[in-house]
């Protein structure tokens, strides 16, 4: 029902504009919060709390667009943050999640409701699946004392391929 408010009552809603509006609405009206527990919270909880992680926002948008009849899937990977000190991009330095929506003629289009990104700019895919539980980029265990593990960060560097002249 939340997604229905973005559909024009007059009969015609432009698809691209609708999906961008949904993505931006989540970005603007929900609060990002880091959570170290694995998994996602139910979309209704995300709606009620207006708070969640990138995984929660991706799943929420997936369910919202599916309720409108679109095919959508969960993506996990990394977001490229050229300036590591940038506070405007959330999810850099660790795994990140967003969604893809299928548009006939265009194919799968990336939507990152956490950062309000549409298109694949700065989004580096590792796994794509129908449900978040099927797209786990990292798994494993750590053996040792808790004080020995100081944390983990991920650095993403974009390099130009040799032999390409494109800017």
Foldseek 3Di string as FASTA:
>chain_A
DVLVVLDDPVPDDDVVVSLLVLLQCLQPQAAEDDDPDDDEDDLVVCVVRSYYHQQNSQVNSCVSVVVVPWHKKKFKDAFADPDPPDPLDPGAFHMGIHMWTQDVPPGTWTGRSNNSDTGCHRPDTDAIDRHPVVGDNDDDDDDDDPVVDPDGTDHDDDDDDPPDPDD
